[in-house]
């Protein structure tokens, strides 16, 4: 039975992504998630607490929290990207090898 066009498009996209390798892809996607999410969450929390924007970059504790948030969100992004990679590999990789 032939693949439907959407499934064929997903398979082609997966093949393109798969050529980059799991870890370069997972780290890139993790950073693309972690940096904006970390910045956004810390900025939102600071604004909700009523801290002024002008003094934020001089506060060492804030920069530490920002670094921690970026690292944690990046790790979460790497883990979720790796899980997605494994799911797509099971879906398209196993069928491709048969």
N, C-alpha and C. Protein backbone atom coordinates (compact mmCIF):
# COMPACT_ATOMS: atom_id res chain seq x y z
N UNK A 1 0.85 -1.17 0.00
CA UNK A 1 0.00 0.00 0.00
C UNK A 1 0.90 1.25 0.00
N UNK A 2 0.70 2.16 -0.94
CA UNK A 2 1.56 3.35 -1.01
C UNK A 2 1.29 4.32 0.14
N UNK A 3 2.34 5.06 0.48
CA UNK A 3 2.21 6.05 1.55
C UNK A 3 1.37 7.22 1.08
N UNK A 4 0.66 7.82 2.04
CA UNK A 4 -0.05 9.04 1.69
C UNK A 4 0.96 10.19 1.61
N UNK A 5 0.61 11.29 0.94
CA UNK A 5 1.57 12.37 0.72
C UNK A 5 2.12 12.99 2.01
N UNK A 6 1.29 13.10 3.02
CA UNK A 6 1.76 13.70 4.27
C UNK A 6 2.79 12.80 4.94
N UNK A 7 2.53 11.50 4.95
CA UNK A 7 3.48 10.55 5.54
C UNK A 7 4.78 10.53 4.75
N UNK A 8 4.71 10.62 3.44
CA UNK A 8 5.92 10.66 2.61
C UNK A 8 6.72 11.92 2.89
N UNK A 9 6.04 13.02 3.10
CA UNK A 9 6.72 14.28 3.42
C UNK A 9 7.41 14.18 4.79
N UNK A 10 6.73 13.60 5.76
CA UNK A 10 7.33 13.41 7.09
C UNK A 10 8.55 12.51 7.03
N UNK A 11 8.46 11.45 6.22
CA UNK A 11 9.59 10.53 6.08
C UNK A 11 10.77 11.25 5.43
N UNK A 12 10.52 12.05 4.42
CA UNK A 12 11.60 12.80 3.76
C UNK A 12 12.24 13.79 4.72
N UNK A 13 11.44 14.46 5.52
CA UNK A 13 11.97 15.39 6.51
C UNK A 13 12.80 14.63 7.55
N UNK A 14 12.32 13.47 7.98
CA UNK A 14 13.06 12.66 8.94
C UNK A 14 14.41 12.22 8.36
N UNK A 15 14.43 11.80 7.11
CA UNK A 15 15.68 11.39 6.48
C UNK A 15 16.67 12.55 6.42
N UNK A 16 16.19 13.74 6.16
CA UNK A 16 17.06 14.92 6.12
C UNK A 16 17.64 15.20 7.51
N UNK A 17 16.79 15.14 8.53
CA UNK A 17 17.23 15.40 9.90
C UNK A 17 18.18 14.29 10.37
N UNK A 18 17.88 13.07 10.02
CA UNK A 18 18.65 11.91 10.47
C UNK A 18 20.10 11.97 10.01
N UNK A 19 20.35 12.57 8.85
CA UNK A 19 21.72 12.67 8.33
C UNK A 19 22.60 13.55 9.22
N UNK A 20 22.02 14.48 9.99
CA UNK A 20 22.83 15.35 10.84
C UNK A 20 23.37 14.61 12.06
N UNK A 21 22.75 13.55 12.47
CA UNK A 21 23.18 12.81 13.67
C UNK A 21 22.35 13.20 14.87
N UNK A 22 22.21 12.26 15.79
CA UNK A 22 21.32 12.47 16.93
C UNK A 22 21.82 13.56 17.86
N UNK A 23 23.11 13.52 18.25
CA UNK A 23 23.57 14.47 19.26
C UNK A 23 23.73 15.89 18.75
N UNK A 24 24.25 16.12 17.55
CA UNK A 24 24.26 17.50 17.06
C UNK A 24 22.84 18.08 16.96
N UNK A 25 21.92 17.25 16.51
CA UNK A 25 20.53 17.70 16.38
C UNK A 25 19.92 17.97 17.76
N UNK A 26 20.14 17.05 18.71
CA UNK A 26 19.54 17.20 20.05
C UNK A 26 20.13 18.41 20.78
N UNK A 27 21.43 18.63 20.67
CA UNK A 27 22.04 19.78 21.34
C UNK A 27 21.57 21.09 20.72
N UNK A 28 21.52 21.13 19.39
CA UNK A 28 21.04 22.35 18.71
C UNK A 28 19.60 22.66 19.11
N UNK A 29 18.75 21.66 19.08
CA UNK A 29 17.35 21.88 19.43
C UNK A 29 17.19 22.21 20.92
N UNK A 30 18.02 21.58 21.76
CA UNK A 30 17.97 21.88 23.18
C UNK A 30 18.33 23.32 23.47
N UNK A 31 19.36 23.83 22.81
CA UNK A 31 19.74 25.23 22.99
C UNK A 31 18.69 26.17 22.40
N UNK A 32 18.11 25.79 21.28
CA UNK A 32 17.07 26.63 20.69
C UNK A 32 15.84 26.71 21.59
N UNK A 33 15.66 25.72 22.42
CA UNK A 33 14.57 25.76 23.39
C UNK A 33 15.01 26.43 24.69
N UNK A 34 16.19 26.09 25.17
CA UNK A 34 16.63 26.52 26.48
C UNK A 34 16.93 28.00 26.60
N UNK A 35 17.57 28.58 25.61
CA UNK A 35 17.95 29.99 25.72
C UNK A 35 16.73 30.90 25.74
N UNK A 36 15.82 30.81 24.77
CA UNK A 36 14.66 31.71 24.85
C UNK A 36 13.73 31.43 26.03
N UNK A 37 13.56 30.14 26.38
CA UNK A 37 12.69 29.82 27.51
C UNK A 37 13.29 30.32 28.82
N UNK A 38 14.59 30.13 29.01
CA UNK A 38 15.25 30.61 30.22
C UNK A 38 15.16 32.12 30.34
N UNK A 39 15.46 32.82 29.25
CA UNK A 39 15.36 34.28 29.26
C UNK A 39 13.93 34.74 29.54
N UNK A 40 12.99 34.12 28.86
CA UNK A 40 11.59 34.52 29.00
C UNK A 40 11.05 34.28 30.40
N UNK A 41 11.34 33.13 30.97
CA UNK A 41 10.82 32.80 32.30
C UNK A 41 11.43 33.73 33.35
N UNK A 42 12.74 33.93 33.30
CA UNK A 42 13.38 34.79 34.30
C UNK A 42 12.89 36.22 34.15
N UNK A 43 12.78 36.71 32.93
CA UNK A 43 12.26 38.07 32.70
C UNK A 43 10.84 38.19 33.24
N UNK A 44 10.00 37.21 32.95
CA UNK A 44 8.62 37.24 33.44
C UNK A 44 8.56 37.23 34.96
N UNK A 45 9.36 36.36 35.58
CA UNK A 45 9.37 36.31 37.05
C UNK A 45 9.85 37.62 37.66
N UNK A 46 10.86 38.22 37.08
CA UNK A 46 11.36 39.49 37.60
C UNK A 46 10.32 40.59 37.45
N UNK A 47 9.64 40.62 36.32
CA UNK A 47 8.61 41.64 36.11
C UNK A 47 7.42 41.43 37.04
N UNK A 48 7.04 40.17 37.27
CA UNK A 48 5.94 39.89 38.18
C UNK A 48 6.29 40.25 39.62
N UNK A 49 7.55 40.20 39.97
CA UNK A 49 7.98 40.59 41.32
C UNK A 49 8.16 42.10 41.45
N UNK A 50 8.02 42.82 40.36
CA UNK A 50 8.09 44.27 40.40
C UNK A 50 9.48 44.85 40.33
N UNK A 51 10.45 44.07 39.89
CA UNK A 51 11.82 44.58 39.77
C UNK A 51 11.94 45.41 38.48
N UNK A 52 12.67 46.52 38.53
CA UNK A 52 12.83 47.34 37.33
C UNK A 52 13.75 46.67 36.30
N UNK A 53 13.49 46.95 35.05
CA UNK A 53 14.29 46.34 33.98
C UNK A 53 15.70 46.91 33.91
N UNK A 54 15.90 48.15 34.29
CA UNK A 54 17.20 48.79 34.09
C UNK A 54 18.32 48.21 34.95
N UNK A 55 18.03 47.69 36.12
CA UNK A 55 19.07 47.18 37.00
C UNK A 55 19.26 45.67 36.94
N UNK A 56 18.54 44.99 36.07
CA UNK A 56 18.58 43.53 36.05
C UNK A 56 19.95 42.97 35.69
N UNK A 57 20.62 43.55 34.73
CA UNK A 57 21.88 42.98 34.27
C UNK A 57 23.03 43.20 35.25
N UNK A 58 22.86 44.09 36.21
CA UNK A 58 23.90 44.32 37.21
C UNK A 58 23.74 43.42 38.43
N UNK A 59 22.65 42.72 38.52
CA UNK A 59 22.37 41.87 39.67
C UNK A 59 22.99 40.48 39.45
N UNK A 60 24.00 40.14 40.26
CA UNK A 60 24.69 38.87 40.13
C UNK A 60 23.79 37.67 40.40
N UNK A 61 22.91 37.80 41.38
CA UNK A 61 22.00 36.70 41.70
C UNK A 61 21.05 36.43 40.54
N UNK A 62 20.60 37.49 39.90
CA UNK A 62 19.72 37.32 38.74
C UNK A 62 20.44 36.62 37.60
N UNK A 63 21.69 37.00 37.36
CA UNK A 63 22.45 36.35 36.29
C UNK A 63 22.67 34.88 36.60
N UNK A 64 22.85 34.54 37.87
CA UNK A 64 22.97 33.14 38.27
C UNK A 64 21.68 32.37 38.02
N UNK A 65 20.56 32.99 38.38
CA UNK A 65 19.25 32.34 38.13
C UNK A 65 19.02 32.19 36.63
N UNK A 66 19.42 33.20 35.87
CA UNK A 66 19.27 33.14 34.41
C UNK A 66 20.09 31.99 33.83
N UNK A 67 21.34 31.88 34.27
CA UNK A 67 22.19 30.80 33.78
C UNK A 67 21.61 29.44 34.15
N UNK A 68 21.12 29.31 35.37
CA UNK A 68 20.52 28.05 35.81
C UNK A 68 19.27 27.71 34.98
N UNK A 69 18.43 28.71 34.73
CA UNK A 69 17.22 28.48 33.94
C UNK A 69 17.58 28.06 32.52
N UNK A 70 18.57 28.71 31.91
CA UNK A 70 18.97 28.35 30.55
C UNK A 70 19.51 26.93 30.52
N UNK A 71 20.33 26.56 31.49
CA UNK A 71 20.88 25.21 31.54
C UNK A 71 19.77 24.18 31.73
N UNK A 72 18.87 24.41 32.66
CA UNK A 72 17.80 23.44 32.92
C UNK A 72 16.87 23.29 31.73
N UNK A 73 16.47 24.40 31.11
CA UNK A 73 15.60 24.31 29.95
C UNK A 73 16.32 23.67 28.76
N UNK A 74 17.62 23.92 28.63
CA UNK A 74 18.39 23.29 27.55
C UNK A 74 18.48 21.78 27.75
N UNK A 75 18.73 21.36 28.98
CA UNK A 75 18.77 19.92 29.27
C UNK A 75 17.41 19.28 28.96
N UNK A 76 16.34 19.95 29.38
CA UNK A 76 15.00 19.45 29.06
C UNK A 76 14.78 19.36 27.56
N UNK A 77 15.28 20.35 26.83
CA UNK A 77 15.14 20.34 25.37
C UNK A 77 15.92 19.20 24.73
N UNK A 78 17.12 18.94 25.24
CA UNK A 78 17.93 17.83 24.71
C UNK A 78 17.23 16.51 24.98
N UNK A 79 16.72 16.32 26.19
CA UNK A 79 16.05 15.06 26.54
C UNK A 79 14.80 14.86 25.69
N UNK A 80 13.98 15.89 25.54
CA UNK A 80 12.76 15.73 24.74
C UNK A 80 13.08 15.54 23.26
N UNK A 81 14.12 16.19 22.77
CA UNK A 81 14.51 16.00 21.37
C UNK A 81 15.03 14.59 21.15
N UNK A 82 15.80 14.07 22.10
CA UNK A 82 16.30 12.70 21.98
C UNK A 82 15.13 11.70 21.99
N UNK A 83 14.15 11.92 22.86
CA UNK A 83 12.98 11.04 22.90
C UNK A 83 12.22 11.09 21.58
N UNK A 84 12.08 12.27 21.03
CA UNK A 84 11.39 12.42 19.74
C UNK A 84 12.19 11.72 18.64
N UNK A 85 13.51 11.84 18.71
CA UNK A 85 14.39 11.19 17.73
C UNK A 85 14.17 9.67 17.77
N UNK A 86 14.17 9.11 18.98
CA UNK A 86 13.97 7.67 19.11
C UNK A 86 12.61 7.24 18.57
N UNK A 87 11.58 8.03 18.84
CA UNK A 87 10.25 7.69 18.35
C UNK A 87 10.21 7.72 16.82
N UNK A 88 10.81 8.74 16.23
CA UNK A 88 10.83 8.81 14.76
C UNK A 88 11.71 7.72 14.16
N UNK A 89 12.78 7.38 14.84
CA UNK A 89 13.64 6.31 14.35
C UNK A 89 12.91 4.98 14.38
N UNK A 90 12.13 4.75 15.42
CA UNK A 90 11.34 3.52 15.47
C UNK A 90 10.24 3.52 14.41
N UNK A 91 9.69 4.69 14.16
CA UNK A 91 8.59 4.79 13.19
C UNK A 91 9.08 4.66 11.75
N UNK A 92 10.12 5.41 11.41
CA UNK A 92 10.56 5.44 10.03
C UNK A 92 11.82 4.61 9.79
N UNK A 93 12.70 4.54 10.77
CA UNK A 93 13.96 3.82 10.57
C UNK A 93 13.77 2.32 10.43
N UNK A 94 12.95 1.73 11.28
CA UNK A 94 12.72 0.28 11.23
C UNK A 94 12.01 -0.11 9.94
N UNK A 95 11.04 0.68 9.52
CA UNK A 95 10.31 0.37 8.29
C UNK A 95 11.20 0.54 7.08
N UNK A 96 12.13 1.48 7.15
CA UNK A 96 13.03 1.74 6.01
C UNK A 96 14.00 0.60 5.81
N UNK A 97 14.45 -0.02 6.91
CA UNK A 97 15.44 -1.08 6.81
C UNK A 97 14.86 -2.41 6.36
N UNK A 98 13.55 -2.58 6.40
CA UNK A 98 12.92 -3.85 6.01
C UNK A 98 12.87 -4.00 4.52
